[in-house]
C-alpha atoms as a PDB file:
ATOM      1  CA  MET A   1     224.887  -0.487  12.570  1.00  0.00           C
ATOM      2  CA  ASN A   2     225.345  -4.004  13.954  1.00  0.00           C
ATOM      3  CA  LYS A   3     228.476  -2.992  15.871  1.00  0.00           C
ATOM      4  CA  PHE A   4     226.685  -0.018  17.480  1.00  0.00           C
ATOM      5  CA  MET A   5     223.616  -2.054  18.402  1.00  0.00           C
ATOM      6  CA  GLU A   6     225.652  -4.824  20.009  1.00  0.00           C
ATOM      7  CA  TYR A   7     228.041  -2.520  21.877  1.00  0.00           C
ATOM      8  CA  ASP A   8     227.944  -2.337  25.693  1.00  0.00           C
ATOM      9  CA  PHE A   9     228.025   1.434  26.179  1.00  0.00           C
ATOM     10  CA  CYS A  10     229.791   3.116  29.073  1.00  0.00           C
ATOM     11  CA  ILE A  11     229.021   6.846  28.762  1.00  0.00           C
ATOM     12  CA  LYS A  12     231.942   9.029  29.800  1.00  0.00           C
ATOM     13  CA  GLU A  13     230.161  12.364  29.502  1.00  0.00           C
ATOM     14  CA  ILE A  14     227.323  14.216  27.865  1.00  0.00           C
ATOM     15  CA  VAL A  15     228.725  17.029  25.734  1.00  0.00           C
ATOM     16  CA  LEU A  16     225.416  18.631  24.760  1.00  0.00           C
ATOM     17  CA  ALA A  17     221.686  17.911  24.793  1.00  0.00           C
ATOM     18  CA  CYS A  18     219.744  20.383  22.670  1.00  0.00           C
ATOM     19  CA  TYR A  19     216.857  21.259  20.375  1.00  0.00           C
ATOM     20  CA  VAL A  20     217.736  22.334  16.831  1.00  0.00           C
ATOM     21  CA  GLY A  21     214.963  24.347  15.210  1.00  0.00           C
ATOM     22  CA  LYS A  22     214.108  24.712  11.525  1.00  0.00           C
ATOM     23  CA  GLY A  23     216.880  26.502   9.671  1.00  0.00           C
ATOM     24  CA  GLU A  24     219.274  26.278  12.637  1.00  0.00           C
ATOM     25  CA  GLY A  25     222.490  24.284  12.919  1.00  0.00           C
ATOM     26  CA  LEU A  26     225.609  24.080  10.776  1.00  0.00           C
ATOM     27  CA  SER A  27     225.446  22.665   7.271  1.00  0.00           C
ATOM     28  CA  LYS A  28     229.126  21.615   7.245  1.00  0.00           C
ATOM     29  CA  HIS A  29     230.793  19.498   9.936  1.00  0.00           C
ATOM     30  CA  ARG A  30     234.489  18.640   9.969  1.00  0.00           C
ATOM     31  CA  ASN A  31     236.234  16.263  12.396  1.00  0.00           C
ATOM     32  CA  ARG A  32     233.173  15.973  14.623  1.00  0.00           C
ATOM     33  CA  ALA A  33     234.246  16.346  18.264  1.00  0.00           C
ATOM     34  CA  SER A  34     231.964  13.678  19.783  1.00  0.00           C
ATOM     35  CA  HIS A  35     229.472  10.922  19.057  1.00  0.00           C
ATOM     36  CA  GLY A  36     225.972  12.170  18.300  1.00  0.00           C
ATOM     37  CA  LEU A  37     222.372  11.003  18.093  1.00  0.00           C
ATOM     38  CA  ALA A  38     219.635  13.160  16.577  1.00  0.00           C
ATOM     39  CA  PHE A  39     215.900  12.443  16.631  1.00  0.00           C
ATOM     40  CA  MET A  40     214.015  13.997  13.709  1.00  0.00           C
ATOM     41  CA  LEU A  41     210.731  15.642  14.658  1.00  0.00           C
ATOM     42  CA  ASP A  42     209.887  16.394  11.019  1.00  0.00           C
ATOM     43  CA  GLY A  43     211.450  17.489   7.739  1.00  0.00           C
ATOM     44  CA  ASN A  44     213.674  15.676   5.267  1.00  0.00           C
ATOM     45  CA  LYS A  45     217.485  15.957   5.220  1.00  0.00           C
ATOM     46  CA  ASP A  46     220.419  14.346   3.471  1.00  0.00           C
ATOM     47  CA  TYR A  47     223.667  13.763   5.387  1.00  0.00           C
ATOM     48  CA  ILE A  48     226.523  13.455   2.908  1.00  0.00           C
ATOM     49  CA  PHE A  49     229.739  12.025   4.377  1.00  0.00           C
ATOM     50  CA  SER A  50     233.283  12.539   3.076  1.00  0.00           C
ATOM     51  CA  CYS A  51     233.524   8.797   2.342  1.00  0.00           C
ATOM     52  CA  GLY A  52     230.689   9.190  -0.185  1.00  0.00           C
ATOM     53  CA  LYS A  53     227.984   7.697   2.028  1.00  0.00           C
ATOM     54  CA  ARG A  54     224.621   9.492   1.890  1.00  0.00           C
ATOM     55  CA  ILE A  55     221.938   9.074   4.562  1.00  0.00           C
ATOM     56  CA  ASN A  56     218.409  10.444   4.232  1.00  0.00           C
ATOM     57  CA  THR A  57     216.390  11.253   7.358  1.00  0.00           C
ATOM     58  CA  LYS A  58     212.715  11.962   7.876  1.00  0.00           C
ATOM     59  CA  LYS A  59     210.207  12.205  10.728  1.00  0.00           C
ATOM     60  CA  ASN A  60     210.786   9.766  13.647  1.00  0.00           C
ATOM     61  CA  ASP A  61     214.232   8.747  12.408  1.00  0.00           C
ATOM     62  CA  ILE A  62     217.308   8.599  14.630  1.00  0.00           C
ATOM     63  CA  ILE A  63     220.620   9.264  12.940  1.00  0.00           C
ATOM     64  CA  TYR A  64     223.938   8.321  14.510  1.00  0.00           C
ATOM     65  CA  LEU A  65     226.818  10.678  13.666  1.00  0.00           C
ATOM     66  CA  PRO A  66     230.282   9.223  14.308  1.00  0.00           C
ATOM     67  CA  LYS A  67     232.997  10.976  16.256  1.00  0.00           C
ATOM     68  CA  HIS A  68     235.700  12.469  13.955  1.00  0.00           C
ATOM     69  CA  SER A  69     233.400  12.264  10.916  1.00  0.00           C
ATOM     70  CA  ASP A  70     233.178  14.892   8.137  1.00  0.00           C
ATOM     71  CA  TYR A  71     229.795  15.523   6.546  1.00  0.00           C
ATOM     72  CA  ASP A  72     227.477  18.108   4.979  1.00  0.00           C
ATOM     73  CA  VAL A  73     223.779  18.482   5.765  1.00  0.00           C
ATOM     74  CA  LYS A  74     221.396  19.275   2.912  1.00  0.00           C
ATOM     75  CA  SER A  75     217.869  20.251   3.931  1.00  0.00           C
ATOM     76  CA  ILE A  76     215.306  19.022   1.398  1.00  0.00           C
ATOM     77  CA  VAL A  77     212.346  19.941   3.600  1.00  0.00           C
ATOM     78  CA  SER A  78     213.135  22.133   6.592  1.00  0.00           C
ATOM     79  CA  GLY A  79     212.640  20.374   9.923  1.00  0.00           C
ATOM     80  CA  ASP A  80     213.685  20.353  13.557  1.00  0.00           C
ATOM     81  CA  CYS A  81     215.205  17.739  15.841  1.00  0.00           C
ATOM     82  CA  TYR A  82     216.516  16.903  19.296  1.00  0.00           C
ATOM     83  CA  ALA A  83     220.187  15.974  19.591  1.00  0.00           C
ATOM     84  CA  ILE A  84     222.539  14.495  22.184  1.00  0.00           C
ATOM     85  CA  ASN A  85     226.318  14.619  21.774  1.00  0.00           C
ATOM     86  CA  PHE A  86     228.359  12.342  23.997  1.00  0.00           C
ATOM     87  CA  ASP A  87     231.671  10.591  24.604  1.00  0.00           C
ATOM     88  CA  ILE A  88     232.311   7.014  25.724  1.00  0.00           C
ATOM     89  CA  ASP A  89     235.136   5.478  27.732  1.00  0.00           C
ATOM     90  CA  GLU A  90     236.786   3.685  24.813  1.00  0.00           C
ATOM     91  CA  GLU A  91     238.108   5.018  21.518  1.00  0.00           C
ATOM     92  CA  ILE A  92     235.947   3.011  19.138  1.00  0.00           C
ATOM     93  CA  SER A  93     234.478   3.828  15.751  1.00  0.00           C
ATOM     94  CA  PHE A  94     230.990   3.074  14.447  1.00  0.00           C
ATOM     95  CA  ASP A  95     229.566   3.665  10.981  1.00  0.00           C
ATOM     96  CA  ALA A  96     226.925   6.346  10.514  1.00  0.00           C
ATOM     97  CA  PHE A  97     223.396   4.965  10.179  1.00  0.00           C
ATOM     98  CA  VAL A  98     219.739   5.925  10.350  1.00  0.00           C
ATOM     99  CA  MET A  99     217.060   4.013  12.241  1.00  0.00           C
ATOM    100  CA  SER A 100     213.327   4.525  11.949  1.00  0.00           C
ATOM    101  CA  VAL A 101     211.999   3.890  15.456  1.00  0.00           C
ATOM    102  CA  LYS A 102     208.589   2.357  16.048  1.00  0.00           C
ATOM    103  CA  ASN A 103     208.252   3.527  19.653  1.00  0.00           C
ATOM    104  CA  SER A 104     208.834   7.128  18.567  1.00  0.00           C
ATOM    105  CA  ALA A 105     206.795   8.830  21.314  1.00  0.00           C
ATOM    106  CA  ASN A 106     208.817   7.150  24.079  1.00  0.00           C
ATOM    107  CA  VAL A 107     212.140   7.831  22.377  1.00  0.00           C
ATOM    108  CA  MET A 108     211.235  11.470  21.735  1.00  0.00           C
ATOM    109  CA  GLU A 109     210.303  11.956  25.383  1.00  0.00           C
ATOM    110  CA  HIS A 110     213.770  10.850  26.521  1.00  0.00           C
ATOM    111  CA  PHE A 111     215.434  13.270  24.065  1.00  0.00           C
ATOM    112  CA  LYS A 112     213.101  16.045  25.194  1.00  0.00           C
ATOM    113  CA  THR A 113     213.735  15.346  28.878  1.00  0.00           C
ATOM    114  CA  ALA A 114     217.508  15.242  28.360  1.00  0.00           C
ATOM    115  CA  ARG A 115     217.393  18.653  26.681  1.00  0.00           C
ATOM    116  CA  LYS A 116     215.258  20.109  29.485  1.00  0.00           C
ATOM    117  CA  ILE A 117     217.595  18.757  32.175  1.00  0.00           C
ATOM    118  CA  TRP A 118     220.714  19.956  30.342  1.00  0.00           C
ATOM    119  CA  THR A 119     219.296  23.451  29.849  1.00  0.00           C
ATOM    120  CA  ALA A 120     218.179  23.851  33.494  1.00  0.00           C
ATOM    121  CA  LYS A 121     221.569  22.654  34.803  1.00  0.00           C
ATOM    122  CA  ARG A 122     220.305  21.850  38.270  1.00  0.00           C
ATOM    123  CA  SER A 123     222.181  19.647  40.727  1.00  0.00           C
ATOM    124  CA  GLY A 124     222.989  16.254  39.217  1.00  0.00           C
ATOM    125  CA  TYR A 125     221.976  17.270  35.684  1.00  0.00           C
ATOM    126  CA  GLU A 126     224.917  15.497  34.010  1.00  0.00           C
ATOM    127  CA  LEU A 127     224.063  12.179  35.654  1.00  0.00           C
ATOM    128  CA  LYS A 128     220.368  12.605  34.820  1.00  0.00           C
ATOM    129  CA  CYS A 129     221.225  13.290  31.167  1.00  0.00           C
ATOM    130  CA  LYS A 130     223.343  10.133  31.074  1.00  0.00           C
ATOM    131  CA  ALA A 131     220.322   8.193  32.372  1.00  0.00           C
ATOM    132  CA  GLU A 132     218.160   9.567  29.546  1.00  0.00           C
ATOM    133  CA  LEU A 133     220.794   8.637  26.959  1.00  0.00           C
ATOM    134  CA  TYR A 134     221.059   5.109  28.378  1.00  0.00           C
ATOM    135  CA  ASN A 135     217.276   4.820  28.033  1.00  0.00           C
ATOM    136  CA  ILE A 136     217.498   5.891  24.385  1.00  0.00           C
ATOM    137  CA  LEU A 137     220.290   3.409  23.657  1.00  0.00           C
ATOM    138  CA  TYR A 138     218.324   0.655  25.413  1.00  0.00           C
ATOM    139  CA  LEU A 139     215.204   1.330  23.321  1.00  0.00           C
ATOM    140  CA  MET A 140     217.253   1.419  20.110  1.00  0.00           C
ATOM    141  CA  GLN A 141     219.018  -1.855  20.852  1.00  0.00           C
ATOM    142  CA  LYS A 142     215.778  -3.493  21.993  1.00  0.00           C
ATOM    143  CA  GLU A 143     214.017  -2.570  18.723  1.00  0.00           C
ATOM    144  CA  TYR A 144     216.994  -3.683  16.684  1.00  0.00           C
ATOM    145  CA  LEU A 145     217.152  -7.096  18.365  1.00  0.00           C
ATOM    146  CA  ALA A 146     213.394  -7.590  18.028  1.00  0.00           C
ATOM    147  CA  GLU A 147     213.565  -6.824  14.305  1.00  0.00           C
ATOM    148  CA  TYR A 148     216.740  -8.612  13.262  1.00  0.00           C
ATOM    149  CA  ILE A 149     216.759 -11.716  15.464  1.00  0.00           C
ATOM    150  CA  PRO A 150     214.276 -14.463  14.546  1.00  0.00           C
ATOM    151  CA  HIS A 151     212.153 -14.728  17.677  1.00  0.00           C
ATOM    152  CA  ASN A 152     211.669 -18.492  17.562  1.00  0.00           C
ATOM    153  CA  LYS A 153     215.401 -19.191  17.376  1.00  0.00           C
ATOM    154  CA  TYR A 154     216.260 -16.612  20.014  1.00  0.00           C
ATOM    155  CA  GLU A 155     213.889 -18.390  22.402  1.00  0.00           C
ATOM    156  CA  ILE A 156     216.048 -21.490  22.014  1.00  0.00           C
ATOM    157  CA  VAL A 157     219.125 -19.805  23.519  1.00  0.00           C
ATOM    158  CA  ARG A 158     217.262 -17.544  25.971  1.00  0.00           C
ATOM    159  CA  PRO A 159     217.620 -19.985  28.948  1.00  0.00           C
ATOM    160  CA  ALA A 160     221.403 -19.915  28.553  1.00  0.00           C
ATOM    161  CA  VAL A 161     221.546 -16.124  28.080  1.00  0.00           C
ATOM    162  CA  ASP A 162     219.446 -15.587  31.211  1.00  0.00           C
ATOM    163  CA  TYR A 163     221.669 -17.987  33.141  1.00  0.00           C
ATOM    164  CA  ILE A 164     224.833 -16.245  31.934  1.00  0.00           C
ATOM    165  CA  HIS A 165     223.645 -12.840  33.129  1.00  0.00           C
ATOM    166  CA  LYS A 166     222.709 -14.230  36.538  1.00  0.00           C
ATOM    167  CA  HIS A 167     225.858 -16.278  37.145  1.00  0.00           C
ATOM    168  CA  TYR A 168     228.789 -14.890  35.117  1.00  0.00           C
ATOM    169  CA  THR A 169     230.454 -13.472  38.257  1.00  0.00           C
ATOM    170  CA  ASP A 170     230.093 -16.418  40.602  1.00  0.00           C
ATOM    171  CA  GLU A 171     231.109 -19.534  38.690  1.00  0.00           C
ATOM    172  CA  LEU A 172     233.009 -20.898  35.707  1.00  0.00           C
ATOM    173  CA  LEU A 173     230.392 -21.332  33.017  1.00  0.00           C
ATOM    174  CA  ASN A 174     230.605 -24.420  30.847  1.00  0.00           C
ATOM    175  CA  ILE A 175     229.462 -24.390  27.202  1.00  0.00           C
ATOM    176  CA  GLU A 176     228.185 -27.967  27.406  1.00  0.00           C
ATOM    177  CA  GLU A 177     226.022 -27.097  30.416  1.00  0.00           C
ATOM    178  CA  LEU A 178     224.732 -23.919  28.773  1.00  0.00           C
ATOM    179  CA  ALA A 179     223.818 -25.879  25.655  1.00  0.00           C
ATOM    180  CA  GLY A 180     222.105 -28.439  27.884  1.00  0.00           C
ATOM    181  CA  LEU A 181     219.904 -25.709  29.366  1.00  0.00           C
ATOM    182  CA  CYS A 182     218.677 -25.046  25.828  1.00  0.00           C
ATOM    183  CA  GLY A 183     218.277 -28.700  24.916  1.00  0.00           C
ATOM    184  CA  ILE A 184     220.677 -28.461  21.963  1.00  0.00           C
ATOM    185  CA  THR A 185     224.205 -29.601  21.130  1.00  0.00           C
ATOM    186  CA  PRO A 186     227.211 -27.369  22.008  1.00  0.00           C
ATOM    187  CA  VAL A 187     228.000 -26.991  18.288  1.00  0.00           C
ATOM    188  CA  TYR A 188     224.485 -25.735  17.470  1.00  0.00           C
ATOM    189  CA  PHE A 189     224.469 -23.543  20.591  1.00  0.00           C
ATOM    190  CA  ARG A 190     227.706 -21.826  19.520  1.00  0.00           C
ATOM    191  CA  LYS A 191     226.333 -21.305  16.003  1.00  0.00           C
ATOM    192  CA  LEU A 192     223.050 -19.780  17.177  1.00  0.00           C
ATOM    193  CA  PHE A 193     224.742 -17.642  19.827  1.00  0.00           C
ATOM    194  CA  ALA A 194     227.310 -16.248  17.390  1.00  0.00           C
ATOM    195  CA  GLY A 195     224.532 -15.491  14.909  1.00  0.00           C
ATOM    196  CA  PHE A 196     222.608 -13.442  17.472  1.00  0.00           C
ATOM    197  CA  TYR A 197     225.454 -11.667  19.272  1.00  0.00           C
ATOM    198  CA  GLY A 198     228.231 -11.582  16.697  1.00  0.00           C
ATOM    199  CA  THR A 199     230.678 -13.266  19.062  1.00  0.00           C
ATOM    200  CA  SER A 200     231.267 -16.588  20.795  1.00  0.00           C
ATOM    201  CA  PRO A 201     229.633 -17.417  24.154  1.00  0.00           C
ATOM    202  CA  ILE A 202     233.058 -17.358  25.865  1.00  0.00           C
ATOM    203  CA  LYS A 203     233.928 -13.907  24.513  1.00  0.00           C
ATOM    204  CA  TYR A 204     230.459 -12.662  25.476  1.00  0.00           C
ATOM    205  CA  ILE A 205     230.921 -13.896  29.045  1.00  0.00           C
ATOM    206  CA  ASN A 206     234.420 -12.421  29.252  1.00  0.00           C
ATOM    207  CA  ASN A 207     233.089  -9.071  28.050  1.00  0.00           C
ATOM    208  CA  LEU A 208     230.493  -9.089  30.846  1.00  0.00           C
ATOM    209  CA  LYS A 209     233.227  -9.822  33.376  1.00  0.00           C
ATOM    210  CA  ILE A 210     235.546  -7.091  32.095  1.00  0.00           C
ATOM    211  CA  THR A 211     232.702  -4.567  31.962  1.00  0.00           C
ATOM    212  CA  ARG A 212     231.887  -5.409  35.579  1.00  0.00           C
ATOM    213  CA  ALA A 213     235.555  -5.069  36.537  1.00  0.00           C
ATOM    214  CA  LYS A 214     235.804  -1.636  34.905  1.00  0.00           C
ATOM    215  CA  GLU A 215     232.739  -0.435  36.812  1.00  0.00           C
ATOM    216  CA  LEU A 216     234.194  -1.620  40.121  1.00  0.00           C
ATOM    217  CA  LEU A 217     237.626  -0.123  39.406  1.00  0.00           C
ATOM    218  CA  ILE A 218     236.096   3.246  38.501  1.00  0.00           C
ATOM    219  CA  SER A 219     234.122   3.233  41.772  1.00  0.00           C
ATOM    220  CA  GLN A 220     237.454   3.028  43.686  1.00  0.00           C
ATOM    221  CA  MET A 221     235.632   1.151  46.459  1.00  0.00           C
ATOM    222  CA  TYR A 222     237.545  -2.129  46.135  1.00  0.00           C
ATOM    223  CA  SER A 223     241.090  -3.403  45.888  1.00  0.00           C
ATOM    224  CA  ILE A 224     242.150  -4.959  42.597  1.00  0.00           C
ATOM    225  CA  SER A 225     241.989  -8.443  44.102  1.00  0.00           C
ATOM    226  CA  GLU A 226     238.450  -7.771  45.326  1.00  0.00           C
ATOM    227  CA  VAL A 227     237.517  -6.486  41.878  1.00  0.00           C
ATOM    228  CA  ALA A 228     238.847  -9.686  40.330  1.00  0.00           C
ATOM    229  CA  MET A 229     236.816 -11.882  42.696  1.00  0.00           C
ATOM    230  CA  GLN A 230     233.606  -9.872  42.256  1.00  0.00           C
ATOM    231  CA  SER A 231     234.013  -9.991  38.481  1.00  0.00           C
ATOM    232  CA  GLY A 232     234.249 -13.777  38.392  1.00  0.00           C
ATOM    233  CA  TYR A 233     238.022 -14.290  38.396  1.00  0.00           C
ATOM    234  CA  SER A 234     239.525 -16.467  41.112  1.00  0.00           C
ATOM    235  CA  ASP A 235     243.059 -16.141  39.718  1.00  0.00           C
ATOM    236  CA  MET A 236     244.661 -12.671  39.798  1.00  0.00           C
ATOM    237  CA  SER A 237     247.168 -13.320  37.023  1.00  0.00           C
ATOM    238  CA  HIS A 238     244.383 -14.602  34.750  1.00  0.00           C
ATOM    239  CA  PHE A 239     242.313 -11.524  35.560  1.00  0.00           C
ATOM    240  CA  SER A 240     245.216  -9.183  34.768  1.00  0.00           C
ATOM    241  CA  ARG A 241     245.887 -10.916  31.434  1.00  0.00           C
ATOM    242  CA  GLU A 242     242.251 -10.846  30.364  1.00  0.00           C
ATOM    243  CA  PHE A 243     241.812  -7.237  31.468  1.00  0.00           C
ATOM    244  CA  LYS A 244     244.875  -6.042  29.554  1.00  0.00           C
ATOM    245  CA  LYS A 245     243.833  -8.031  26.483  1.00  0.00           C
ATOM    246  CA  ALA A 246     240.433  -6.303  26.521  1.00  0.00           C
ATOM    247  CA  THR A 247     241.460  -2.748  27.446  1.00  0.00           C
ATOM    248  CA  GLY A 248     245.136  -2.440  26.499  1.00  0.00           C
ATOM    249  CA  VAL A 249     246.171  -1.586  30.075  1.00  0.00           C
ATOM    250  CA  CYS A 250     246.501  -3.496  33.332  1.00  0.00           C
ATOM    251  CA  PRO A 251     243.922  -2.917  36.115  1.00  0.00           C
ATOM    252  CA  SER A 252     246.164  -0.581  38.130  1.00  0.00           C
ATOM    253  CA  GLU A 253     246.821   1.593  35.043  1.00  0.00           C
ATOM    254  CA  TYR A 254     243.086   1.714  34.289  1.00  0.00           C
ATOM    255  CA  ILE A 255     242.453   3.216  37.727  1.00  0.00           C
ATOM    256  CA  GLY A 256     245.103   5.797  37.011  1.00  0.00           C
ATOM    257  CA  ASP A 257     243.276   6.824  33.833  1.00  0.00           C
END
């Protein structure tokens, strides 16, 4: 669950946004074709995975179903749900999990809207469905962070996090200076940061830069050198090395994909 909640999603496509009524849907799934999220409107179901993992869902739960997973669905109390199946840019695996959302009305509305847009298939429907999915992912990650990160300690590093997001593309960020913004030592800053984000401040910053570079490359509006500069890299060779390390391909090959 942690990996999913901390992942910076780039949605490649929506495969399906639908409503699954009581008694509908397959009970056996093999080599699932895409990632999936389902919001339970009511009922009680067990999802039994080939690895032996069993997940129980009930009203206002969201279950994540991994791409390529094998599982059976056992309905204890018949219920219905909204579902969105999707693919992302990178081949990455997440574990199946269930999350009971507190802001259920808001989350449900985004699922419901996505299904309505997908069914109507009017101009721009795919992009609009992506927007609804991004809203769902945002609300899930926001709830997760609020629940699992001690608020008082997060407030300590917030000045540095805010500064990083404002300035990661226009200057070389220094750990000592970031720690100074928080009024703590660099050692303690690294420890707190890694505890909250599961990675070091440097890797976090590099991920922001690479994500920005991928967005600019996909837009095909800039040359590779311009992409490097706008992503916070003043040295082209350094940019190419970091990009290939993160994606497995050089910038020019990524455009070709």
